[in-house]
Amino acid sequence: MDLGLAEVHRLQSEPGAADSHWGLTEVHRVRNQYDEAIESYLKALHIRTEIGDRQGRADALWGLAEVYRFRGGDDEAIAFHSEALQIYTDIGNRQGRASALWGLAHVRRLRDEYDEAMTPTPYKFATIYDTIHGCKQAAAIFNPIGNTEAATRALKDAADVRRLLQREEAL
């Protein structure tokens, strides 16, 4: 009986611990302390996974993706955004889904904009079209849930990528 009660208390305190780690990540991220932010996000991710909190897990994955994006870790950012997108889609979180789609589109856009080789390739065009599509999908989700500011920014990002594509096609 006492072991069961101890387990209940442990599980009840873990969401608070995960929230504390989340709060620390924001402080670290604002201070550009990315290694510390990653460590805190990973702790929050572990706790959310252990207690079966899929929403919290997706949020932690999204946060990790953003930190890796800030540090230039495109591959990691894409992997974490993709996993968060899958969870958000599975649990029906439209705002989270839109944010993950937009995050993926943003990473792809930055990757293509700063690509040293400006020679168009079939892969590069496919990635650019994926980026435009992702931005449009995000806007289509943000708009009906009332986040018109994010929808507008996502559509602006799509237009920016389209202009980049047009410049490259003109070369």
N, C-alpha and C. Protein backbone atom coordinates (compact mmCIF):
# COMPACT_ATOMS: atom_id res chain seq x y z
N MET A 1 0.82 -1.19 0.00
CA MET A 1 0.00 0.00 0.00
C MET A 1 0.86 1.25 0.00
N ASP A 2 1.90 1.29 0.86
CA ASP A 2 2.77 2.45 0.90
C ASP A 2 3.53 2.63 -0.41
N LEU A 3 3.96 1.53 -1.03
CA LEU A 3 4.65 1.65 -2.31
C LEU A 3 3.74 2.25 -3.37
N GLY A 4 2.49 1.86 -3.39
CA GLY A 4 1.53 2.43 -4.34
C GLY A 4 1.36 3.92 -4.12
N LEU A 5 1.26 4.35 -2.87
CA LEU A 5 1.11 5.76 -2.55
C LEU A 5 2.36 6.54 -2.95
N ALA A 6 3.53 5.96 -2.71
CA ALA A 6 4.78 6.62 -3.09
C ALA A 6 4.84 6.79 -4.61
N GLU A 7 4.39 5.78 -5.34
CA GLU A 7 4.39 5.87 -6.80
C GLU A 7 3.43 6.97 -7.28
N VAL A 8 2.26 7.07 -6.65
CA VAL A 8 1.31 8.13 -6.99
C VAL A 8 1.93 9.49 -6.76
N HIS A 9 2.58 9.69 -5.62
CA HIS A 9 3.24 10.98 -5.34
C HIS A 9 4.34 11.27 -6.34
N ARG A 10 5.10 10.25 -6.71
CA ARG A 10 6.17 10.45 -7.69
C ARG A 10 5.60 10.90 -9.02
N LEU A 11 4.55 10.21 -9.48
CA LEU A 11 3.95 10.55 -10.76
C LEU A 11 3.31 11.93 -10.74
N GLN A 12 2.72 12.30 -9.61
CA GLN A 12 2.12 13.63 -9.51
C GLN A 12 3.17 14.73 -9.54
N SER A 13 4.36 14.46 -9.02
CA SER A 13 5.39 15.49 -9.00
C SER A 13 6.15 15.59 -10.32
N GLU A 14 6.12 14.55 -11.13
CA GLU A 14 6.88 14.56 -12.37
C GLU A 14 6.40 15.61 -13.37
N PRO A 15 5.09 15.82 -13.55
CA PRO A 15 4.70 16.91 -14.46
C PRO A 15 5.24 18.26 -14.00
N GLY A 16 5.28 18.49 -12.70
CA GLY A 16 5.85 19.74 -12.19
C GLY A 16 7.33 19.84 -12.50
N ALA A 17 8.03 18.72 -12.37
CA ALA A 17 9.46 18.70 -12.70
C ALA A 17 9.66 18.96 -14.19
N ALA A 18 8.82 18.37 -15.02
CA ALA A 18 8.91 18.60 -16.47
C ALA A 18 8.64 20.06 -16.79
N ASP A 19 7.65 20.65 -16.11
CA ASP A 19 7.36 22.07 -16.32
C ASP A 19 8.54 22.94 -15.91
N SER A 20 9.20 22.57 -14.82
CA SER A 20 10.37 23.32 -14.37
C SER A 20 11.49 23.25 -15.41
N HIS A 21 11.71 22.06 -15.96
CA HIS A 21 12.74 21.93 -17.01
C HIS A 21 12.36 22.77 -18.22
N TRP A 22 11.08 22.78 -18.55
CA TRP A 22 10.61 23.58 -19.70
C TRP A 22 10.91 25.05 -19.45
N GLY A 23 10.61 25.53 -18.26
CA GLY A 23 10.88 26.93 -17.93
C GLY A 23 12.37 27.26 -18.02
N LEU A 24 13.21 26.34 -17.56
CA LEU A 24 14.66 26.55 -17.65
C LEU A 24 15.13 26.63 -19.10
N THR A 25 14.51 25.84 -19.95
CA THR A 25 14.93 25.85 -21.35
C THR A 25 14.69 27.21 -21.97
N GLU A 26 13.60 27.84 -21.61
CA GLU A 26 13.30 29.16 -22.17
C GLU A 26 14.36 30.18 -21.74
N VAL A 27 14.77 30.12 -20.48
CA VAL A 27 15.83 31.01 -20.00
C VAL A 27 17.12 30.75 -20.77
N HIS A 28 17.49 29.48 -20.89
CA HIS A 28 18.72 29.13 -21.60
C HIS A 28 18.65 29.53 -23.07
N ARG A 29 17.49 29.32 -23.69
CA ARG A 29 17.35 29.63 -25.11
C ARG A 29 17.52 31.13 -25.35
N VAL A 30 16.87 31.96 -24.52
CA VAL A 30 16.95 33.41 -24.67
C VAL A 30 18.39 33.88 -24.48
N ARG A 31 19.14 33.19 -23.63
CA ARG A 31 20.54 33.56 -23.37
C ARG A 31 21.49 32.90 -24.37
N ASN A 32 20.96 32.23 -25.37
CA ASN A 32 21.77 31.51 -26.36
C ASN A 32 22.64 30.43 -25.72
N GLN A 33 22.18 29.86 -24.63
CA GLN A 33 22.87 28.75 -23.96
C GLN A 33 22.23 27.45 -24.46
N TYR A 34 22.54 27.12 -25.69
CA TYR A 34 21.84 26.03 -26.36
C TYR A 34 22.12 24.66 -25.76
N ASP A 35 23.34 24.41 -25.33
CA ASP A 35 23.64 23.10 -24.72
C ASP A 35 22.80 22.89 -23.46
N GLU A 36 22.69 23.92 -22.64
CA GLU A 36 21.89 23.83 -21.42
C GLU A 36 20.41 23.67 -21.75
N ALA A 37 19.95 24.40 -22.79
CA ALA A 37 18.55 24.29 -23.21
C ALA A 37 18.24 22.87 -23.68
N ILE A 38 19.15 22.30 -24.45
CA ILE A 38 18.95 20.93 -24.94
C ILE A 38 18.87 19.96 -23.77
N GLU A 39 19.76 20.13 -22.81
CA GLU A 39 19.76 19.25 -21.64
C GLU A 39 18.42 19.32 -20.89
N SER A 40 17.90 20.53 -20.71
CA SER A 40 16.62 20.68 -20.01
C SER A 40 15.46 20.12 -20.82
N TYR A 41 15.46 20.37 -22.13
CA TYR A 41 14.41 19.81 -22.98
C TYR A 41 14.44 18.28 -22.94
N LEU A 42 15.64 17.71 -22.97
CA LEU A 42 15.76 16.25 -22.93
C LEU A 42 15.22 15.69 -21.61
N LYS A 43 15.46 16.39 -20.51
CA LYS A 43 14.92 15.95 -19.22
C LYS A 43 13.40 16.03 -19.24
N ALA A 44 12.87 17.13 -19.76
CA ALA A 44 11.40 17.27 -19.86
C ALA A 44 10.84 16.18 -20.77
N LEU A 45 11.51 15.92 -21.90
CA LEU A 45 11.07 14.87 -22.84
C LEU A 45 11.05 13.52 -22.15
N HIS A 46 12.08 13.21 -21.40
CA HIS A 46 12.15 11.92 -20.69
C HIS A 46 10.97 11.77 -19.72
N ILE A 47 10.72 12.81 -18.94
CA ILE A 47 9.64 12.75 -17.96
C ILE A 47 8.29 12.62 -18.67
N ARG A 48 8.06 13.44 -19.68
CA ARG A 48 6.77 13.39 -20.40
C ARG A 48 6.56 12.02 -21.05
N THR A 49 7.62 11.43 -21.56
CA THR A 49 7.53 10.10 -22.16
C THR A 49 7.22 9.06 -21.09
N GLU A 50 7.92 9.15 -19.97
CA GLU A 50 7.75 8.19 -18.88
C GLU A 50 6.32 8.19 -18.32
N ILE A 51 5.70 9.35 -18.23
CA ILE A 51 4.35 9.42 -17.66
C ILE A 51 3.26 9.30 -18.72
N GLY A 52 3.66 9.13 -19.99
CA GLY A 52 2.69 8.92 -21.06
C GLY A 52 1.98 10.19 -21.52
N ASP A 53 2.59 11.34 -21.32
CA ASP A 53 2.00 12.63 -21.72
C ASP A 53 2.43 12.94 -23.15
N ARG A 54 1.61 12.54 -24.11
CA ARG A 54 1.97 12.71 -25.52
C ARG A 54 2.05 14.17 -25.93
N GLN A 55 1.13 14.99 -25.41
CA GLN A 55 1.16 16.43 -25.70
C GLN A 55 2.47 17.03 -25.20
N GLY A 56 2.82 16.73 -23.96
CA GLY A 56 4.07 17.23 -23.39
C GLY A 56 5.29 16.73 -24.13
N ARG A 57 5.23 15.47 -24.57
CA ARG A 57 6.33 14.90 -25.36
C ARG A 57 6.48 15.66 -26.67
N ALA A 58 5.38 15.91 -27.36
CA ALA A 58 5.44 16.64 -28.63
C ALA A 58 5.96 18.06 -28.41
N ASP A 59 5.52 18.70 -27.33
CA ASP A 59 6.00 20.06 -27.04
C ASP A 59 7.51 20.06 -26.81
N ALA A 60 8.01 19.07 -26.06
CA ALA A 60 9.44 18.99 -25.81
C ALA A 60 10.21 18.72 -27.11
N LEU A 61 9.68 17.87 -27.96
CA LEU A 61 10.31 17.60 -29.26
C LEU A 61 10.36 18.87 -30.11
N TRP A 62 9.24 19.60 -30.11
CA TRP A 62 9.20 20.87 -30.86
C TRP A 62 10.25 21.83 -30.32
N GLY A 63 10.36 21.92 -28.99
CA GLY A 63 11.36 22.80 -28.39
C GLY A 63 12.78 22.41 -28.77
N LEU A 64 13.06 21.11 -28.73
CA LEU A 64 14.38 20.62 -29.15
C LEU A 64 14.65 20.99 -30.60
N ALA A 65 13.64 20.83 -31.44
CA ALA A 65 13.80 21.17 -32.86
C ALA A 65 14.17 22.64 -33.02
N GLU A 66 13.50 23.50 -32.26
CA GLU A 66 13.78 24.92 -32.38
C GLU A 66 15.19 25.27 -31.91
N VAL A 67 15.63 24.66 -30.82
CA VAL A 67 17.00 24.93 -30.34
C VAL A 67 18.02 24.46 -31.37
N TYR A 68 17.80 23.28 -31.93
CA TYR A 68 18.73 22.81 -32.95
C TYR A 68 18.69 23.71 -34.17
N ARG A 69 17.52 24.22 -34.52
CA ARG A 69 17.43 25.16 -35.65
C ARG A 69 18.25 26.40 -35.37
N PHE A 70 18.15 26.94 -34.15
CA PHE A 70 18.91 28.13 -33.79
C PHE A 70 20.42 27.89 -33.86
N ARG A 71 20.84 26.67 -33.53
CA ARG A 71 22.28 26.35 -33.55
C ARG A 71 22.75 25.89 -34.93
N GLY A 72 21.87 25.77 -35.88
CA GLY A 72 22.26 25.33 -37.21
C GLY A 72 22.25 23.83 -37.39
N GLY A 73 21.61 23.10 -36.49
CA GLY A 73 21.52 21.64 -36.61
C GLY A 73 20.28 21.25 -37.40
N ASP A 74 20.34 21.46 -38.70
CA ASP A 74 19.17 21.24 -39.56
C ASP A 74 18.64 19.82 -39.49
N ASP A 75 19.53 18.84 -39.57
CA ASP A 75 19.08 17.44 -39.58
C ASP A 75 18.35 17.09 -38.29
N GLU A 76 18.90 17.53 -37.16
CA GLU A 76 18.25 17.27 -35.87
C GLU A 76 16.92 18.00 -35.79
N ALA A 77 16.90 19.25 -36.25
CA ALA A 77 15.67 20.05 -36.21
C ALA A 77 14.57 19.37 -37.03
N ILE A 78 14.92 18.90 -38.20
CA ILE A 78 13.94 18.23 -39.06
C ILE A 78 13.43 16.95 -38.39
N ALA A 79 14.33 16.18 -37.80
CA ALA A 79 13.93 14.93 -37.14
C ALA A 79 12.98 15.21 -35.98
N PHE A 80 13.31 16.18 -35.12
CA PHE A 80 12.47 16.48 -33.97
C PHE A 80 11.13 17.10 -34.39
N HIS A 81 11.16 18.01 -35.39
CA HIS A 81 9.90 18.59 -35.87
C HIS A 81 9.01 17.50 -36.47
N SER A 82 9.62 16.57 -37.20
CA SER A 82 8.85 15.50 -37.83
C SER A 82 8.17 14.61 -36.79
N GLU A 83 8.91 14.27 -35.74
CA GLU A 83 8.32 13.44 -34.69
C GLU A 83 7.22 14.18 -33.94
N ALA A 84 7.45 15.47 -33.67
CA ALA A 84 6.42 16.28 -33.02
C ALA A 84 5.18 16.38 -33.91
N LEU A 85 5.39 16.57 -35.20
CA LEU A 85 4.28 16.66 -36.15
C LEU A 85 3.43 15.39 -36.11
N GLN A 86 4.07 14.24 -36.07
CA GLN A 86 3.35 12.98 -36.04
C GLN A 86 2.49 12.88 -34.78
N ILE A 87 3.06 13.24 -33.64
CA ILE A 87 2.30 13.17 -32.39
C ILE A 87 1.15 14.17 -32.39
N TYR A 88 1.44 15.41 -32.78
CA TYR A 88 0.38 16.42 -32.83
C TYR A 88 -0.77 15.97 -33.74
N THR A 89 -0.42 15.37 -34.87
CA THR A 89 -1.44 14.87 -35.80
C THR A 89 -2.24 13.75 -35.15
N ASP A 90 -1.54 12.82 -34.50
CA ASP A 90 -2.20 11.68 -33.85
C ASP A 90 -3.17 12.10 -32.76
N ILE A 91 -2.80 13.13 -31.99
CA ILE A 91 -3.65 13.54 -30.86
C ILE A 91 -4.64 14.64 -31.25
N GLY A 92 -4.58 15.08 -32.51
CA GLY A 92 -5.55 16.08 -32.98
C GLY A 92 -5.27 17.51 -32.53
N ASN A 93 -4.00 17.82 -32.24
CA ASN A 93 -3.64 19.18 -31.84
C ASN A 93 -3.32 19.99 -33.09
N ARG A 94 -4.28 20.76 -33.56
CA ARG A 94 -4.12 21.51 -34.81
C ARG A 94 -3.07 22.63 -34.68
N GLN A 95 -3.06 23.33 -33.56
CA GLN A 95 -2.07 24.39 -33.36
C GLN A 95 -0.66 23.79 -33.36
N GLY A 96 -0.46 22.69 -32.65
CA GLY A 96 0.84 22.04 -32.63
C GLY A 96 1.24 21.54 -34.01
N ARG A 97 0.27 20.96 -34.71
CA ARG A 97 0.54 20.46 -36.07
C ARG A 97 0.99 21.60 -36.98
N ALA A 98 0.28 22.72 -36.90
CA ALA A 98 0.65 23.88 -37.73
C ALA A 98 2.04 24.40 -37.36
N SER A 99 2.33 24.46 -36.07
CA SER A 99 3.65 24.93 -35.63
C SER A 99 4.76 24.00 -36.11
N ALA A 100 4.53 22.70 -36.05
CA ALA A 100 5.54 21.75 -36.51
C ALA A 100 5.73 21.83 -38.02
N LEU A 101 4.63 21.95 -38.76
CA LEU A 101 4.74 22.11 -40.22
C LEU A 101 5.52 23.37 -40.57
N TRP A 102 5.19 24.45 -39.88
CA TRP A 102 5.86 25.71 -40.14
C TRP A 102 7.34 25.60 -39.77
N GLY A 103 7.64 24.93 -38.66
CA GLY A 103 9.03 24.74 -38.26
C GLY A 103 9.80 23.96 -39.31
N LEU A 104 9.20 22.88 -39.81
CA LEU A 104 9.84 22.10 -40.88
C LEU A 104 10.08 22.96 -42.12
N ALA A 105 9.06 23.72 -42.49
CA ALA A 105 9.19 24.58 -43.67
C ALA A 105 10.30 25.61 -43.45
N HIS A 106 10.36 26.16 -42.26
CA HIS A 106 11.37 27.18 -41.96
C HIS A 106 12.79 26.60 -42.05
N VAL A 107 13.00 25.42 -41.50
CA VAL A 107 14.33 24.80 -41.56
C VAL A 107 14.69 24.53 -43.01
N ARG A 108 13.77 23.99 -43.77
CA ARG A 108 14.05 23.71 -45.19
C ARG A 108 14.35 24.99 -45.95
N ARG A 109 13.60 26.04 -45.65
CA ARG A 109 13.81 27.33 -46.32
C ARG A 109 15.21 27.86 -46.01
N LEU A 110 15.59 27.85 -44.74
CA LEU A 110 16.91 28.35 -44.37
C LEU A 110 18.01 27.50 -45.00
N ARG A 111 17.79 26.21 -45.04
CA ARG A 111 18.79 25.31 -45.63
C ARG A 111 19.00 25.64 -47.10
N ASP A 112 17.92 25.91 -47.81
CA ASP A 112 18.04 26.20 -49.23
C ASP A 112 18.54 27.62 -49.50
N GLU A 113 18.13 28.58 -48.68
CA GLU A 113 18.56 29.96 -48.90
C GLU A 113 20.06 30.12 -48.73
N TYR A 114 20.63 29.38 -47.80
CA TYR A 114 22.04 29.54 -47.52
C TYR A 114 22.90 28.45 -48.11
N ASP A 115 22.33 27.70 -49.04
CA ASP A 115 23.08 26.66 -49.73
C ASP A 115 24.17 27.33 -50.57
N GLU A 116 25.41 26.86 -50.40
CA GLU A 116 26.53 27.45 -51.13
C GLU A 116 26.37 27.28 -52.64
N ALA A 117 25.95 26.11 -53.05
CA ALA A 117 25.81 25.85 -54.48
C ALA A 117 24.43 26.29 -54.94
N MET A 118 24.40 27.31 -55.76
CA MET A 118 23.10 27.84 -56.21
C MET A 118 22.60 27.09 -57.44
N THR A 119 23.27 26.04 -57.85
CA THR A 119 22.84 25.28 -59.01
C THR A 119 21.57 24.51 -58.69
N PRO A 120 20.48 24.76 -59.43
CA PRO A 120 19.24 24.03 -59.16
C PRO A 120 19.41 22.54 -59.42
N THR A 121 18.86 21.73 -58.55
CA THR A 121 18.86 20.28 -58.71
C THR A 121 17.44 19.80 -58.48
N PRO A 122 17.10 18.61 -58.99
CA PRO A 122 15.75 18.11 -58.74
C PRO A 122 15.44 18.00 -57.24
N TYR A 123 16.43 17.57 -56.43
CA TYR A 123 16.20 17.46 -54.99
C TYR A 123 15.92 18.84 -54.39
N LYS A 124 16.71 19.82 -54.81
CA LYS A 124 16.55 21.17 -54.26
C LYS A 124 15.17 21.71 -54.59
N PHE A 125 14.71 21.53 -55.83
CA PHE A 125 13.38 22.01 -56.18
C PHE A 125 12.30 21.27 -55.40
N ALA A 126 12.47 19.97 -55.22
CA ALA A 126 11.50 19.21 -54.43
C ALA A 126 11.44 19.74 -53.01
N THR A 127 12.58 20.05 -52.42
CA THR A 127 12.62 20.59 -51.07
C THR A 127 11.96 21.96 -51.02
N ILE A 128 12.21 22.78 -52.01
CA ILE A 128 11.59 24.11 -52.05
C ILE A 128 10.08 23.97 -52.16
N TYR A 129 9.61 23.08 -53.02
CA TYR A 129 8.16 22.89 -53.14
C TYR A 129 7.57 22.35 -51.84
N ASP A 130 8.29 21.45 -51.15
CA ASP A 130 7.85 20.96 -49.84
C ASP A 130 7.73 22.10 -48.85
N THR A 131 8.70 23.02 -48.91
CA THR A 131 8.69 24.17 -48.00
C THR A 131 7.47 25.04 -48.26
N ILE A 132 7.22 25.35 -49.51
CA ILE A 132 6.05 26.17 -49.87
C ILE A 132 4.78 25.47 -49.41
N HIS A 133 4.69 24.18 -49.68
CA HIS A 133 3.51 23.40 -49.30
C HIS A 133 3.34 23.39 -47.77
N GLY A 134 4.44 23.20 -47.04
CA GLY A 134 4.38 23.19 -45.58
C GLY A 134 3.90 24.52 -45.02
N CYS A 135 4.40 25.62 -45.58
CA CYS A 135 3.95 26.95 -45.14
C CYS A 135 2.45 27.13 -45.40
N LYS A 136 2.01 26.71 -46.58
CA LYS A 136 0.58 26.84 -46.92
C LYS A 136 -0.28 25.96 -46.01
N GLN A 137 0.20 24.74 -45.72
CA GLN A 137 -0.54 23.86 -44.81
C GLN A 137 -0.64 24.49 -43.42
N ALA A 138 0.46 25.05 -42.95
CA ALA A 138 0.45 25.69 -41.63
C ALA A 138 -0.55 26.84 -41.61
N ALA A 139 -0.53 27.67 -42.64
CA ALA A 139 -1.46 28.80 -42.71
C ALA A 139 -2.91 28.31 -42.74
N ALA A 140 -3.15 27.23 -43.48
CA ALA A 140 -4.52 26.69 -43.57
C ALA A 140 -5.00 26.16 -42.22
N ILE A 141 -4.11 25.78 -41.35
CA ILE A 141 -4.49 25.32 -40.01
C ILE A 141 -4.59 26.50 -39.05
N PHE A 142 -3.62 27.42 -39.12
CA PHE A 142 -3.62 28.57 -38.21
C PHE A 142 -4.88 29.43 -38.39
N ASN A 143 -5.28 29.67 -39.62
CA ASN A 143 -6.40 30.58 -39.89
C ASN A 143 -7.70 30.18 -39.20
N PRO A 144 -8.22 28.96 -39.40
CA PRO A 144 -9.50 28.60 -38.79
C PRO A 144 -9.48 28.56 -37.26
N ILE A 145 -8.29 28.41 -36.67
CA ILE A 145 -8.26 28.37 -35.20
C ILE A 145 -7.99 29.77 -34.63
N GLY A 146 -8.03 30.77 -35.51
CA GLY A 146 -7.96 32.16 -35.05
C GLY A 146 -6.57 32.74 -34.91
N ASN A 147 -5.54 32.03 -35.33
CA ASN A 147 -4.19 32.56 -35.24
C ASN A 147 -3.81 33.17 -36.58
N THR A 148 -4.45 34.30 -36.89
CA THR A 148 -4.27 34.92 -38.21
C THR A 148 -2.87 35.52 -38.37
N GLU A 149 -2.27 35.95 -37.27
CA GLU A 149 -0.91 36.49 -37.36
C GLU A 149 0.07 35.41 -37.82
N ALA A 150 -0.03 34.24 -37.24
CA ALA A 150 0.86 33.14 -37.65
C ALA A 150 0.54 32.70 -39.08
N ALA A 151 -0.74 32.69 -39.43
CA ALA A 151 -1.12 32.32 -40.81
C ALA A 151 -0.52 33.30 -41.81
N THR A 152 -0.56 34.58 -41.48
CA THR A 152 0.01 35.59 -42.36
C THR A 152 1.52 35.42 -42.49
N ARG A 153 2.20 35.16 -41.38
CA ARG A 153 3.66 34.96 -41.44
C ARG A 153 4.00 33.71 -42.25
N ALA A 154 3.21 32.66 -42.10
CA ALA A 154 3.46 31.43 -42.85
C ALA A 154 3.29 31.67 -44.36
N LEU A 155 2.24 32.41 -44.72
CA LEU A 155 2.03 32.71 -46.14
C LEU A 155 3.14 33.63 -46.68
N LYS A 156 3.62 34.55 -45.85
CA LYS A 156 4.73 35.41 -46.27
C LYS A 156 5.97 34.55 -46.50
N ASP A 157 6.20 33.59 -45.62
CA ASP A 157 7.35 32.68 -45.81
C ASP A 157 7.21 31.92 -47.13
N ALA A 158 5.99 31.45 -47.44
CA ALA A 158 5.77 30.73 -48.70
C ALA A 158 6.07 31.64 -49.88
N ALA A 159 5.64 32.90 -49.79
CA ALA A 159 5.90 33.85 -50.88
C ALA A 159 7.40 34.12 -51.02
N ASP A 160 8.11 34.24 -49.90
CA ASP A 160 9.56 34.45 -49.95
C ASP A 160 10.26 33.28 -50.63
N VAL A 161 9.86 32.07 -50.30
CA VAL A 161 10.47 30.89 -50.90
C VAL A 161 10.14 30.83 -52.39
N ARG A 162 8.90 31.19 -52.74
CA ARG A 162 8.51 31.20 -54.15
C ARG A 162 9.38 32.19 -54.94
N ARG A 163 9.66 33.37 -54.35
CA ARG A 163 10.54 34.34 -55.00
C ARG A 163 11.95 33.78 -55.16
N LEU A 164 12.44 33.08 -54.15
CA LEU A 164 13.76 32.45 -54.22
C LEU A 164 13.79 31.45 -55.38
N LEU A 165 12.76 30.66 -55.50
CA LEU A 165 12.66 29.68 -56.58
C LEU A 165 12.67 30.38 -57.94
N GLN A 166 11.92 31.45 -58.07
CA GLN A 166 11.86 32.17 -59.33
C GLN A 166 13.23 32.76 -59.70
N ARG A 167 13.96 33.27 -58.71
CA ARG A 167 15.30 33.78 -58.97
C ARG A 167 16.21 32.67 -59.45
N GLU A 168 16.14 31.50 -58.80
CA GLU A 168 17.01 30.39 -59.19
C GLU A 168 16.65 29.87 -60.57
N GLU A 169 15.36 29.85 -60.89
CA GLU A 169 14.95 29.35 -62.22
C GLU A 169 15.41 30.33 -63.31
N ALA A 170 15.54 31.62 -62.98
CA ALA A 170 15.98 32.60 -63.96
C ALA A 170 17.47 32.51 -64.25
N LEU A 171 18.21 31.86 -63.35
CA LEU A 171 19.69 31.76 -63.55
C LEU A 171 20.05 30.88 -64.69
